[in-house]
Amino acid sequence: MESAIAALSPHATGGTLVNMHGRPGDADDRARPWPADTFTRLQRAKSAYDPGNLFRFGHAVAPTDC
């Protein structure tokens, strides 16, 4: 296992897995798994494809205007 982790570490982002966060938290908790620029892109995509925030439960990313 250690050798696999070492081999993959150059490709790691340093983030976490959202499905391992437990109960959904605040906006900071939702942003934690991704680098800041990736999270911003996710918010923009959410605004474009789900502007009414229909899919808002759990660890869902909120649109930029929420």
C-alpha atoms as a PDB file:
ATOM      1  CA  MET A   1       0.000   0.000   0.000  1.00  0.00           C
ATOM      2  CA  GLU A   2       2.774   2.449   0.846  1.00  0.00           C
ATOM      3  CA  SER A   3       4.384   1.943  -2.567  1.00  0.00           C
ATOM      4  CA  ALA A   4       1.082   2.720  -4.303  1.00  0.00           C
ATOM      5  CA  ILE A   5       0.669   5.899  -2.269  1.00  0.00           C
ATOM      6  CA  ALA A   6       4.231   6.938  -3.061  1.00  0.00           C
ATOM      7  CA  ALA A   7       3.740   6.255  -6.771  1.00  0.00           C
ATOM      8  CA  LEU A   8       0.526   8.297  -6.921  1.00  0.00           C
ATOM      9  CA  SER A   9       1.586  11.173  -4.663  1.00  0.00           C
ATOM     10  CA  PRO A  10       2.992  13.344  -7.508  1.00  0.00           C
ATOM     11  CA  HIS A  11      -0.515  13.355  -8.994  1.00  0.00           C
ATOM     12  CA  ALA A  12      -2.402  14.105  -5.767  1.00  0.00           C
ATOM     13  CA  THR A  13      -4.121  17.460  -5.332  1.00  0.00           C
ATOM     14  CA  GLY A  14      -3.957  17.427  -1.548  1.00  0.00           C
ATOM     15  CA  GLY A  15      -7.758  17.558  -1.350  1.00  0.00           C
ATOM     16  CA  THR A  16     -10.084  15.142   0.336  1.00  0.00           C
ATOM     17  CA  LEU A  17     -12.892  12.916  -0.854  1.00  0.00           C
ATOM     18  CA  VAL A  18     -16.253  14.612  -0.407  1.00  0.00           C
ATOM     19  CA  ASN A  19     -17.974  11.318   0.352  1.00  0.00           C
ATOM     20  CA  MET A  20     -15.690  10.895   3.382  1.00  0.00           C
ATOM     21  CA  HIS A  21     -16.749  14.187   5.016  1.00  0.00           C
ATOM     22  CA  GLY A  22     -19.636  12.771   6.993  1.00  0.00           C
ATOM     23  CA  ARG A  23     -22.555  15.123   7.524  1.00  0.00           C
ATOM     24  CA  PRO A  24     -22.735  18.076   5.131  1.00  0.00           C
ATOM     25  CA  GLY A  25     -21.410  21.293   6.583  1.00  0.00           C
ATOM     26  CA  ASP A  26     -21.167  24.881   5.477  1.00  0.00           C
ATOM     27  CA  ALA A  27     -19.806  26.354   2.237  1.00  0.00           C
ATOM     28  CA  ASP A  28     -16.210  25.924   3.435  1.00  0.00           C
ATOM     29  CA  ASP A  29     -16.852  22.222   3.992  1.00  0.00           C
ATOM     30  CA  ARG A  30     -18.214  21.895   0.462  1.00  0.00           C
ATOM     31  CA  ALA A  31     -15.176  23.683  -0.996  1.00  0.00           C
ATOM     32  CA  ARG A  32     -12.598  21.623   0.912  1.00  0.00           C
ATOM     33  CA  PRO A  33     -12.208  18.690  -1.531  1.00  0.00           C
ATOM     34  CA  TRP A  34     -11.102  20.856  -4.463  1.00  0.00           C
ATOM     35  CA  PRO A  35      -8.415  23.426  -5.189  1.00  0.00           C
ATOM     36  CA  ALA A  36      -9.899  26.959  -5.163  1.00  0.00           C
ATOM     37  CA  ASP A  37      -9.865  27.393  -8.957  1.00  0.00           C
ATOM     38  CA  THR A  38     -11.600  24.035  -9.462  1.00  0.00           C
ATOM     39  CA  PHE A  39     -14.274  24.906  -6.915  1.00  0.00           C
ATOM     40  CA  THR A  40     -14.886  28.226  -8.679  1.00  0.00           C
ATOM     41  CA  ARG A  41     -15.347  26.355 -11.974  1.00  0.00           C
ATOM     42  CA  LEU A  42     -17.772  23.959 -10.271  1.00  0.00           C
ATOM     43  CA  GLN A  43     -19.780  26.904  -8.944  1.00  0.00           C
ATOM     44  CA  ARG A  44     -19.928  28.465 -12.410  1.00  0.00           C
ATOM     45  CA  ALA A  45     -21.064  25.161 -13.915  1.00  0.00           C
ATOM     46  CA  LYS A  46     -23.693  24.825 -11.186  1.00  0.00           C
ATOM     47  CA  SER A  47     -24.933  28.346 -11.965  1.00  0.00           C
ATOM     48  CA  ALA A  48     -25.170  27.510 -15.663  1.00  0.00           C
ATOM     49  CA  TYR A  49     -26.788  24.077 -15.404  1.00  0.00           C
ATOM     50  CA  ASP A  50     -28.755  24.283 -12.146  1.00  0.00           C
ATOM     51  CA  PRO A  51     -29.454  27.997 -11.535  1.00  0.00           C
ATOM     52  CA  GLY A  52     -32.473  27.159  -9.362  1.00  0.00           C
ATOM     53  CA  ASN A  53     -30.257  24.999  -7.120  1.00  0.00           C
ATOM     54  CA  LEU A  54     -32.598  22.022  -7.510  1.00  0.00           C
ATOM     55  CA  PHE A  55     -29.756  19.607  -6.654  1.00  0.00           C
ATOM     56  CA  ARG A  56     -28.782  21.173  -3.338  1.00  0.00           C
ATOM     57  CA  PHE A  57     -28.734  18.332  -0.832  1.00  0.00           C
ATOM     58  CA  GLY A  58     -25.748  16.725   0.826  1.00  0.00           C
ATOM     59  CA  HIS A  59     -22.371  18.097  -0.164  1.00  0.00           C
ATOM     60  CA  ALA A  60     -23.692  19.797  -3.303  1.00  0.00           C
ATOM     61  CA  VAL A  61     -21.857  22.844  -4.607  1.00  0.00           C
ATOM     62  CA  ALA A  62     -24.011  25.976  -4.490  1.00  0.00           C
ATOM     63  CA  PRO A  63     -24.303  28.254  -7.518  1.00  0.00           C
ATOM     64  CA  THR A  64     -22.194  31.403  -7.450  1.00  0.00           C
ATOM     65  CA  ASP A  65     -25.226  33.594  -6.690  1.00  0.00           C
ATOM     66  CA  CYS A  66     -26.406  31.676  -3.591  1.00  0.00           C
END
